[in-house]
Protein backbone atom coordinates (compact mmCIF):
# COMPACT_ATOMS: atom_id res chain seq x y z
CA MET A 1 7.33 -22.83 -15.66
CA LYS A 2 9.82 -22.78 -12.83
CA GLN A 3 9.21 -25.04 -9.90
CA MET A 4 7.81 -23.36 -6.76
CA SER A 5 10.37 -22.34 -4.11
CA LYS A 6 9.25 -23.91 -0.83
CA ARG A 7 10.44 -23.11 2.67
CA LYS A 8 10.12 -26.40 4.56
CA TRP A 9 10.76 -26.92 8.22
CA SER A 10 13.25 -29.47 9.46
CA ALA A 11 12.20 -32.89 10.60
CA ALA A 12 13.48 -32.09 14.07
CA LEU A 13 11.19 -29.09 14.38
CA THR A 14 8.27 -31.14 13.07
CA LEU A 15 8.85 -33.80 15.72
CA LEU A 16 9.25 -31.20 18.40
CA LEU A 17 6.01 -29.47 17.52
CA THR A 18 4.14 -32.76 17.11
CA GLY A 19 5.32 -33.84 20.53
CA ALA A 20 4.07 -30.62 22.03
CA ILE A 21 0.43 -31.32 21.07
CA ALA A 22 -0.34 -33.06 24.32
CA LEU A 23 0.84 -30.04 26.25
CA SER A 24 -0.86 -27.45 24.10
CA GLY A 25 -4.40 -27.46 25.52
CA CYS A 26 -4.32 -24.86 28.29
CA GLY A 27 -0.99 -23.36 27.34
CA SER A 28 -2.11 -22.38 23.85
CA ASN A 29 -5.29 -20.82 25.22
CA SER A 30 -3.22 -18.64 27.51
CA ALA A 31 -1.05 -17.47 24.64
CA ASN A 32 -4.08 -16.95 22.45
CA SER A 33 -5.80 -14.67 24.94
CA GLN A 34 -3.55 -11.79 23.96
CA GLU A 35 -5.29 -9.41 21.59
CA GLY A 36 -4.10 -9.61 18.01
CA SER A 37 -1.97 -12.71 18.41
CA ASN A 38 -4.41 -15.06 16.69
CA ALA A 39 -7.88 -15.60 15.34
CA GLY A 40 -9.33 -16.82 18.62
CA SER A 41 -10.57 -20.22 19.61
CA ALA A 42 -11.62 -21.64 16.22
CA ASN A 43 -11.37 -25.44 16.13
CA THR A 44 -8.38 -26.57 14.08
CA GLY A 45 -8.54 -30.25 14.85
CA SER A 46 -6.22 -30.20 17.88
CA SER A 47 -7.78 -33.45 19.19
CA SER A 48 -5.99 -35.37 16.43
CA GLU A 49 -2.68 -34.96 14.67
CA PRO A 50 -1.69 -31.46 13.46
CA VAL A 51 -3.24 -30.11 10.30
CA SER A 52 -0.95 -28.82 7.55
CA ILE A 53 -1.67 -25.68 5.54
CA LYS A 54 0.27 -23.61 3.03
CA TYR A 55 0.98 -19.87 2.99
CA TYR A 56 1.68 -18.46 -0.49
CA ASN A 57 3.37 -15.14 -1.34
CA TRP A 58 6.10 -13.55 -3.47
CA ASP A 59 8.74 -12.79 -0.81
CA ASN A 60 12.23 -11.83 -1.85
CA GLU A 61 15.19 -13.27 0.08
CA ALA A 62 15.10 -10.73 2.91
CA GLN A 63 11.32 -10.88 3.25
CA THR A 64 11.41 -14.68 3.28
CA ALA A 65 13.55 -14.68 6.41
CA ALA A 66 11.14 -12.31 8.18
CA THR A 67 8.10 -14.36 7.13
CA ASP A 68 9.72 -17.62 8.21
CA ALA A 69 10.42 -16.15 11.64
CA MET A 70 6.78 -15.07 12.01
CA LEU A 71 5.53 -18.49 10.91
CA ALA A 72 7.85 -20.19 13.39
CA ASP A 73 6.37 -18.06 16.18
CA PHE A 74 2.86 -18.92 15.01
CA MET A 75 3.57 -22.65 15.10
CA LYS A 76 5.07 -22.40 18.57
CA GLN A 77 1.83 -20.79 19.75
CA ASN A 78 -0.32 -23.17 17.69
CA PRO A 79 1.36 -26.60 17.71
CA ASP A 80 -1.76 -28.16 16.18
CA ILE A 81 -1.12 -26.31 12.90
CA MET A 82 1.85 -26.85 10.60
CA VAL A 83 2.51 -24.15 8.00
CA GLU A 84 4.53 -24.50 4.82
CA HIS A 85 5.77 -21.23 3.33
CA VAL A 86 5.50 -21.32 -0.48
CA VAL A 87 7.20 -18.52 -2.39
CA LEU A 88 5.60 -18.69 -5.81
CA VAL A 89 7.83 -16.18 -7.63
CA PRO A 90 10.42 -14.39 -5.46
CA GLY A 91 10.10 -10.60 -5.59
CA ASP A 92 7.60 -10.46 -8.47
CA SER A 93 3.93 -10.04 -7.53
CA VAL A 94 2.75 -9.92 -11.16
CA GLU A 95 4.24 -13.29 -12.08
CA MET A 96 3.21 -14.64 -8.70
CA LEU A 97 -0.46 -13.94 -9.51
CA LYS A 98 -0.16 -15.83 -12.79
CA LYS A 99 1.28 -18.87 -11.05
CA LEU A 100 -1.36 -18.64 -8.32
CA ASP A 101 -4.15 -18.62 -10.89
CA PHE A 102 -2.66 -21.70 -12.50
CA LEU A 103 -2.69 -23.50 -9.12
CA ILE A 104 -6.28 -22.49 -8.52
CA SER A 105 -7.41 -23.63 -11.96
CA SER A 106 -5.63 -26.96 -11.51
CA GLY A 107 -7.61 -27.70 -8.34
CA GLU A 108 -4.80 -27.14 -5.84
CA ALA A 109 -6.03 -26.80 -2.24
CA VAL A 110 -5.03 -23.18 -1.63
CA ASP A 111 -5.15 -22.19 2.05
CA VAL A 112 -3.78 -18.68 2.69
CA VAL A 113 -2.38 -16.23 0.15
CA ALA A 114 -0.88 -12.75 0.37
CA LEU A 115 -2.11 -10.58 -2.54
CA PRO A 116 -0.50 -7.28 -3.58
CA ASN A 117 -3.59 -5.05 -3.84
CA LEU A 118 -7.37 -4.74 -3.68
CA GLY A 119 -7.79 -5.37 -7.38
CA ALA A 120 -6.18 -8.79 -7.03
CA VAL A 121 -8.65 -9.61 -4.24
CA TYR A 122 -11.72 -8.46 -6.15
CA GLU A 123 -10.71 -10.25 -9.35
CA ARG A 124 -10.40 -13.62 -7.61
CA ALA A 125 -13.33 -13.16 -5.23
CA THR A 126 -15.75 -12.45 -8.09
CA ARG A 127 -14.82 -15.68 -9.85
CA GLY A 128 -15.22 -17.82 -6.73
CA ALA A 129 -11.56 -18.50 -5.99
CA LEU A 130 -11.70 -17.07 -2.44
CA SER A 131 -13.70 -17.92 0.66
CA PRO A 132 -15.75 -15.19 2.34
CA LEU A 133 -14.73 -14.45 5.91
CA ASN A 134 -18.06 -13.35 7.43
CA GLU A 135 -18.80 -16.54 9.36
CA PHE A 136 -15.31 -16.55 10.88
CA TYR A 137 -15.54 -12.89 11.89
CA LYS A 138 -18.95 -13.57 13.45
CA GLN A 139 -17.65 -16.62 15.30
CA GLU A 140 -14.84 -14.54 16.82
CA GLY A 141 -17.06 -11.52 17.55
CA LEU A 142 -15.01 -9.26 15.28
CA VAL A 143 -16.16 -6.21 13.32
CA PRO A 144 -13.80 -5.89 10.32
CA GLU A 145 -14.09 -2.10 10.16
CA ASP A 146 -12.89 -1.93 13.76
CA GLU A 147 -9.92 -4.16 12.93
CA TYR A 148 -8.51 -3.04 9.56
CA TYR A 149 -8.27 0.21 7.61
CA VAL A 150 -9.41 -1.35 4.34
CA ASN A 151 -11.88 -4.23 4.10
CA PRO A 152 -12.63 -5.48 0.57
CA LYS A 153 -16.22 -6.68 0.15
CA VAL A 154 -18.24 -8.20 -2.69
CA ASP A 155 -22.02 -8.38 -2.18
CA ASP A 156 -21.57 -7.72 1.57
CA GLN A 157 -19.13 -10.60 1.90
CA TYR A 158 -15.64 -9.85 3.27
CA TYR A 159 -12.77 -11.41 1.35
CA GLY A 160 -9.52 -9.93 2.65
CA MET A 161 -7.63 -8.83 5.73
CA GLN A 162 -5.25 -5.91 5.30
CA LEU A 163 -1.79 -7.38 5.85
CA THR A 164 0.32 -4.26 5.32
CA SER A 165 -0.24 -0.52 4.95
CA SER A 166 1.54 1.87 2.64
CA PHE A 167 1.15 5.59 3.27
CA ASN A 168 1.82 8.50 0.94
CA TYR A 169 3.62 11.60 2.19
CA VAL A 170 5.94 14.40 1.08
CA LEU A 171 9.71 14.27 1.59
CA LEU A 172 11.24 17.69 2.26
CA ASN A 173 14.84 18.87 2.50
CA LYS A 174 14.72 20.43 5.97
CA ASP A 175 17.97 22.31 5.46
CA ALA A 176 16.39 23.99 2.42
CA LEU A 177 13.26 24.77 4.46
CA ASP A 178 15.34 26.38 7.19
CA GLU A 179 17.29 28.37 4.62
CA ALA A 180 14.04 29.69 3.12
CA GLY A 181 12.52 30.36 6.55
CA LEU A 182 9.69 27.89 5.97
CA PRO A 183 8.19 25.68 8.69
CA VAL A 184 7.66 21.97 8.10
CA PRO A 185 4.08 21.71 6.75
CA THR A 186 1.45 19.93 8.80
CA TYR A 187 -1.89 18.29 8.07
CA GLY A 188 -4.30 20.61 6.29
CA TRP A 189 -1.88 22.35 3.95
CA THR A 190 -3.16 22.45 0.38
CA TRP A 191 -1.75 21.98 -3.09
CA ASP A 192 -1.83 25.77 -3.45
CA ASP A 193 0.46 25.89 -0.41
CA TYR A 194 2.65 23.24 -2.02
CA ARG A 195 3.01 25.41 -5.12
CA ASP A 196 4.00 28.37 -2.93
CA TYR A 197 6.58 26.27 -1.08
CA ALA A 198 8.03 25.02 -4.36
CA LYS A 199 8.52 28.58 -5.62
CA LYS A 200 10.31 29.61 -2.43
CA LEU A 201 12.50 26.48 -2.39
CA THR A 202 13.66 26.85 -6.00
CA LYS A 203 17.25 28.06 -6.15
CA GLY A 204 19.99 28.61 -8.76
CA GLU A 205 20.07 28.28 -12.54
CA GLY A 206 21.17 25.82 -15.22
CA VAL A 207 22.93 22.65 -14.13
CA ASP A 208 23.21 24.00 -10.58
CA LYS A 209 19.48 24.64 -10.23
CA ARG A 210 17.58 23.07 -7.37
CA TYR A 211 13.91 22.81 -8.23
CA GLY A 212 11.35 23.29 -5.51
CA THR A 213 9.82 19.93 -6.37
CA TYR A 214 10.03 16.95 -8.66
CA PHE A 215 7.08 15.10 -10.20
CA HIS A 216 7.70 11.59 -11.49
CA THR A 217 5.97 9.88 -14.43
CA TRP A 218 3.43 7.80 -12.50
CA GLU A 219 -0.31 8.55 -12.30
CA LEU A 220 0.23 9.60 -8.67
CA TYR A 221 1.90 12.75 -10.02
CA MET A 222 -0.68 13.43 -12.73
CA ASN A 223 -3.62 13.85 -10.36
CA ALA A 224 -2.43 13.46 -6.79
CA PRO A 225 -5.84 14.14 -5.18
CA ALA A 226 -7.44 11.34 -7.22
CA GLN A 227 -4.75 8.96 -5.99
CA THR A 228 -4.61 10.08 -2.37
CA VAL A 229 -8.03 11.34 -1.15
CA MET A 230 -10.47 9.34 -3.29
CA LYS A 231 -11.48 5.71 -2.72
CA ASP A 232 -10.89 4.66 -6.33
CA PRO A 233 -8.63 6.46 -8.83
CA PHE A 234 -10.84 5.48 -11.77
CA ARG A 235 -14.55 5.46 -10.87
CA TYR A 236 -17.12 6.91 -8.50
CA ASP A 237 -19.30 4.68 -6.32
CA ASP A 238 -22.01 4.77 -9.01
CA GLY A 239 -19.57 3.19 -11.47
CA SER A 240 -19.05 6.25 -13.70
CA THR A 241 -15.62 7.64 -14.58
CA ILE A 242 -13.97 10.11 -12.21
CA PHE A 243 -12.10 11.71 -15.12
CA SER A 244 -14.75 14.44 -15.11
CA ASP A 245 -13.82 15.30 -11.51
CA PRO A 246 -12.81 18.90 -10.63
CA THR A 247 -9.46 17.61 -9.37
CA TYR A 248 -8.39 16.76 -12.92
CA LYS A 249 -8.76 20.27 -14.26
CA TYR A 250 -7.21 21.73 -11.12
CA PHE A 251 -4.17 19.43 -10.87
CA PHE A 252 -3.36 19.26 -14.58
CA GLN A 253 -3.29 23.07 -14.65
CA LEU A 254 -1.26 23.22 -11.43
CA ARG A 255 1.39 20.96 -12.93
CA LYS A 256 1.67 23.04 -16.09
CA ASP A 257 1.78 26.34 -14.21
CA MET A 258 4.51 25.10 -11.89
CA GLU A 259 6.64 24.10 -14.86
CA ILE A 260 6.01 27.02 -17.21
CA VAL A 261 4.98 29.98 -15.04
CA ASP A 262 6.84 29.29 -11.78
CA GLN A 263 9.63 27.12 -13.21
CA SER A 264 9.71 25.39 -9.83
CA ALA A 265 9.28 21.84 -11.17
CA LYS A 266 11.46 20.03 -13.70
CA PRO A 267 9.63 19.92 -17.07
CA TYR A 268 7.67 16.75 -17.77
CA ALA A 269 9.36 16.41 -21.18
CA ASP A 270 12.79 16.38 -19.52
CA VAL A 271 11.66 13.80 -16.95
CA LEU A 272 10.44 11.50 -19.73
CA ALA A 273 13.54 11.95 -21.89
CA ALA A 274 16.07 11.42 -19.10
CA LYS A 275 14.27 8.53 -17.37
CA LEU A 276 15.02 10.09 -14.00
CA ASN A 277 14.75 8.46 -10.58
CA TYR A 278 12.74 10.34 -7.96
CA ARG A 279 14.94 9.17 -5.07
CA THR A 280 18.08 10.40 -6.82
CA GLU A 281 16.44 13.75 -7.64
CA PHE A 282 15.69 14.30 -3.96
CA PHE A 283 18.84 12.97 -2.28
CA ASN A 284 21.14 14.60 -4.87
CA GLU A 285 19.41 17.91 -4.02
CA GLU A 286 18.06 18.34 -7.52
CA ALA A 287 14.65 18.91 -5.90
CA ALA A 288 13.67 20.05 -2.40
CA MET A 289 10.30 18.24 -2.18
CA VAL A 290 8.99 14.94 -3.54
CA LEU A 291 5.61 13.27 -3.14
CA THR A 292 6.23 9.59 -2.41
CA GLY A 293 5.39 6.93 0.17
CA SER A 294 6.38 5.11 3.35
CA TRP A 295 8.49 2.56 1.46
CA THR A 296 11.17 5.30 1.30
CA ILE A 297 11.61 5.65 5.08
CA PRO A 298 14.88 3.66 5.22
CA ASP A 299 16.34 5.69 2.34
CA SER A 300 17.05 8.80 4.43
CA GLY A 301 19.49 6.78 6.55
CA ASN A 302 20.97 4.84 3.63
CA GLN A 303 24.19 6.79 3.10
CA GLU A 304 25.75 4.03 1.05
CA GLN A 305 23.13 4.20 -1.70
CA TYR A 306 22.01 7.83 -1.26
CA PRO A 307 24.92 9.84 0.19
CA HIS A 308 23.74 13.24 1.48
CA SER A 309 24.20 15.53 4.47
CA PHE A 310 20.79 17.22 4.89
CA THR A 311 18.02 16.22 7.27
CA THR A 312 14.81 14.85 5.75
CA ALA A 313 11.50 16.21 7.03
CA TYR A 314 8.07 14.74 6.28
CA ALA A 315 4.63 16.20 5.68
CA PRO A 316 1.18 14.75 5.05
CA VAL A 317 -0.03 14.83 1.44
CA PRO A 318 -1.51 18.28 0.67
CA LEU A 319 -5.29 18.48 0.37
CA PRO A 320 -7.27 20.00 -2.52
CA PRO A 321 -8.06 23.67 -1.88
CA ALA A 322 -11.61 25.04 -1.65
CA GLY A 323 -13.32 24.80 -5.03
CA ALA A 324 -11.16 21.90 -6.21
CA GLU A 325 -12.42 19.19 -3.88
CA PRO A 326 -13.34 15.87 -5.50
CA LYS A 327 -16.90 14.62 -5.73
CA ASN A 328 -17.88 12.60 -2.65
CA TYR A 329 -14.96 14.16 -0.74
CA GLU A 330 -14.63 12.77 2.79
CA GLY A 331 -12.99 15.80 4.32
CA GLY A 332 -9.32 14.96 4.05
CA LYS A 333 -9.27 11.23 4.74
CA TYR A 334 -6.43 9.54 2.87
CA PHE A 335 -6.37 6.49 0.64
CA THR A 336 -4.14 3.76 2.01
CA SER A 337 -3.01 0.75 0.06
CA GLY A 338 -1.19 -2.40 1.04
CA ASN A 339 -1.10 -6.15 0.72
CA GLN A 340 -4.18 -8.22 1.56
CA ILE A 341 -4.26 -11.74 2.97
CA VAL A 342 -7.01 -14.06 1.73
CA MET A 343 -8.32 -17.62 2.07
CA GLY A 344 -8.67 -19.94 -0.90
CA SER A 345 -12.11 -21.43 -1.48
CA THR A 346 -10.48 -24.86 -1.92
CA SER A 347 -8.81 -24.87 1.50
CA LYS A 348 -9.63 -28.03 3.47
CA HIS A 349 -8.66 -26.41 6.78
CA LYS A 350 -10.45 -23.09 6.83
CA GLU A 351 -10.45 -22.63 10.62
CA ALA A 352 -6.69 -23.08 10.72
CA ALA A 353 -6.33 -20.80 7.70
CA PHE A 354 -8.35 -18.07 9.41
CA LYS A 355 -6.25 -18.36 12.56
CA LEU A 356 -3.07 -17.94 10.49
CA MET A 357 -4.57 -14.94 8.65
CA ARG A 358 -5.38 -13.21 11.93
CA TYR A 359 -1.92 -13.93 13.30
CA MET A 360 -0.06 -12.67 10.23
CA SER A 361 -2.19 -9.53 9.99
CA THR A 362 -2.20 -8.59 13.68
CA THR A 363 0.93 -9.83 15.43
CA ASP A 364 3.43 -7.20 16.54
CA SER A 365 6.36 -9.47 15.75
CA GLU A 366 9.87 -8.04 15.85
CA SER A 367 10.32 -9.67 12.44
CA ARG A 368 7.74 -7.35 10.87
CA THR A 369 9.38 -4.87 8.48
CA GLU A 370 6.25 -3.29 6.96
CA PHE A 371 3.49 -1.26 8.57
CA SER A 372 0.47 -3.30 9.56
CA GLY A 373 -3.02 -2.79 8.18
CA TRP A 374 -4.42 -3.64 11.61
CA LYS A 375 -5.73 -0.54 13.37
CA LYS A 376 -4.49 -1.69 16.79
CA ALA A 377 -0.93 -2.53 15.71
CA ASP A 378 2.17 -0.99 17.24
CA ASN A 379 3.34 0.68 14.03
CA GLN A 380 5.66 2.91 16.06
CA ALA A 381 7.80 -0.16 16.73
CA VAL A 382 7.93 -0.86 12.98
CA LEU A 383 8.93 2.76 12.36
CA ASP A 384 11.76 2.48 14.87
CA ARG A 385 13.06 -0.59 13.06
CA LEU A 386 12.86 1.15 9.68
CA ILE A 387 14.78 4.19 10.92
CA GLY A 388 17.40 2.23 12.81
CA ASP A 389 19.67 3.46 15.58
CA ASP A 390 21.07 6.49 13.75
CA LYS A 391 18.35 9.16 13.59
CA THR A 392 20.61 12.11 12.74
CA LEU A 393 19.31 12.47 9.17
CA TYR A 394 15.62 12.22 10.14
CA ASP A 395 13.23 14.85 11.43
CA VAL A 396 11.59 12.14 13.50
CA GLU A 397 8.87 14.36 14.98
CA SER A 398 7.52 15.37 11.57
CA LEU A 399 7.61 11.74 10.39
CA GLN A 400 5.65 10.54 13.43
CA ASN A 401 3.08 13.32 13.01
CA THR A 402 2.72 12.53 9.32
CA LEU A 403 2.10 8.83 9.91
CA PHE A 404 0.36 8.78 13.27
CA GLY A 405 -0.94 12.30 13.92
CA ASP A 406 -4.38 12.73 15.48
CA ASP A 407 -5.72 14.33 12.28
CA ILE A 408 -4.64 11.47 10.01
CA GLN A 409 -7.57 9.24 9.01
CA TYR A 410 -7.99 6.76 6.18
CA LEU A 411 -10.65 5.83 3.66
CA ASP A 412 -12.16 2.35 3.57
CA ALA A 413 -12.24 0.27 0.37
CA SER A 414 -14.30 1.41 -2.59
CA SER A 415 -17.52 -0.45 -3.30
CA VAL A 416 -16.69 -0.41 -7.01
CA ILE A 417 -14.77 -3.30 -8.54
CA THR A 418 -12.75 -2.06 -11.52
CA VAL A 419 -11.24 -4.68 -13.82
CA SER A 420 -10.18 -2.40 -16.71
CA THR A 421 -7.45 -0.65 -14.73
CA SER A 422 -4.75 -0.96 -17.39
CA GLU A 423 -6.96 0.58 -20.09
CA LEU A 424 -8.12 3.41 -17.82
CA THR A 425 -4.56 4.07 -16.69
CA LYS A 426 -3.53 4.52 -20.32
CA VAL A 427 -6.28 7.13 -20.75
CA ILE A 428 -4.83 9.09 -17.79
CA ASP A 429 -1.30 8.85 -19.19
CA ASP A 430 -2.34 9.86 -22.71
CA GLY A 431 -4.55 12.70 -21.51
CA PHE A 432 -1.87 14.13 -19.26
CA SER A 433 0.79 13.93 -21.98
CA LYS A 434 -1.60 15.56 -24.46
CA PHE A 435 -2.12 18.49 -22.09
CA MET A 436 1.49 18.90 -20.92
CA LEU A 437 3.21 18.46 -24.28
CA SER A 438 0.86 20.38 -26.58
CA ASN A 439 -1.35 23.45 -26.66
CA ALA A 440 -4.54 21.45 -26.17
CA SER A 441 -6.93 23.08 -23.70
CA ILE A 442 -7.75 21.42 -20.41
CA ASP A 443 -11.44 21.37 -21.32
CA ASP A 444 -10.80 19.53 -24.58
CA VAL A 445 -8.42 17.08 -22.94
CA GLN A 446 -10.79 16.33 -20.08
CA LYS A 447 -13.71 15.77 -22.47
CA TRP A 448 -11.57 13.35 -24.49
CA MET A 449 -10.59 11.46 -21.31
CA VAL A 450 -14.21 11.20 -20.13
CA ASP A 451 -15.37 9.95 -23.53
CA GLU A 452 -12.60 7.34 -23.76
CA ALA A 453 -13.10 6.14 -20.19
CA THR A 454 -16.87 5.90 -20.63
CA LYS A 455 -16.43 3.67 -23.67
CA ILE A 456 -14.13 1.35 -21.72
CA ILE A 457 -16.41 1.23 -18.69
CA ASN A 458 -19.54 0.52 -20.77
CA GLU A 459 -17.75 -2.29 -22.56
CA LYS A 460 -15.86 -3.97 -19.71
CA GLU A 461 -17.43 -3.09 -16.37
CA SER A 462 -20.61 -4.49 -14.82
CA LYS A 463 -21.01 -1.48 -12.54
């Protein structure tokens, strides 16, 4: 196992910060009074020498620099807390989790950790590796639902703060829209509208054909409503499989009709065979629309990697039409994902850890390069940094409305903890392939998916 990559601060900085303790009493309180800059007035042992805690994540080289800058700002504001940045496995969250679990099992005092998703939080919370946050929230007079979009809970105990937010949306070639006389879609358009747009945006034949849309191979493109307007893509709140949901029959059929009847989407078989890239399909003008997410915002201005001349417009994810709404539908609220920040149950400095968690999840630092999961954050400033100075290839108004429009609301975390995600994901993949690549009926395929998922859930899930 490779040795952990640690970002340690220089001895000079350590001495400087240590020397500042005597001056930190009133000054730090003044800095801490600003909303979102810290956890509040929790005691971190400032009457003695500074406490030292560790912050674990999987930053790549560029992210490490941004994190280090944020940690330096935190320590300037909180000279009674020293933070060591530990990059467990650079750029690889899967391997990072394995190394983290090894540290936990070996008895390492784990203070603060960034985790890549809700599942990673639930898995470790249910086996006692994380500390609940309720007493700290209560001490600071905070209501988690007022603070963060998604708040993972187990048995009414909160275990994570949403560190980042990732939003789904639709990329559109605005030049193609203008050519077809189509307005940029806004919140409330449906997947039926999407199909109509795709037909009107399809142009040409053979190798010169521009499809109206492109669907990639991920589960997001197999049942988009399940992935974007439901709390959990696998199970309802009662623990049963969602594979019986009306959205499956509707979206599976929509995909097949768009390929075979409308010929407005590249065939699934061709996508699999060619191992295509969704970014390339869009920016090479092979497709006029692509469902994707906010991680692609910088791409529209990246002429070196994706040379193109058209303007990119943005639209919220379409909603299911009447009659195809999912069970327990919350009226068009969207699922949002993102990284969570958690506290290890073995931390010896939990007050300091909580203060760091609040700072990292709420500060509007200029070093932040990802959208915050904090509801009160200045995400517009993050957006401006992602776009850069040259906005000529962006329809900025549509992007702002898609991300921050008054109609855009988000779902909270599901109450169901699903551990068999890989097995259930395979059922989705196999069921979709069975329907798209054969003559099997949607009813038969959906029944098979429900039966397979129910077996897995009964065997591996507690709820």
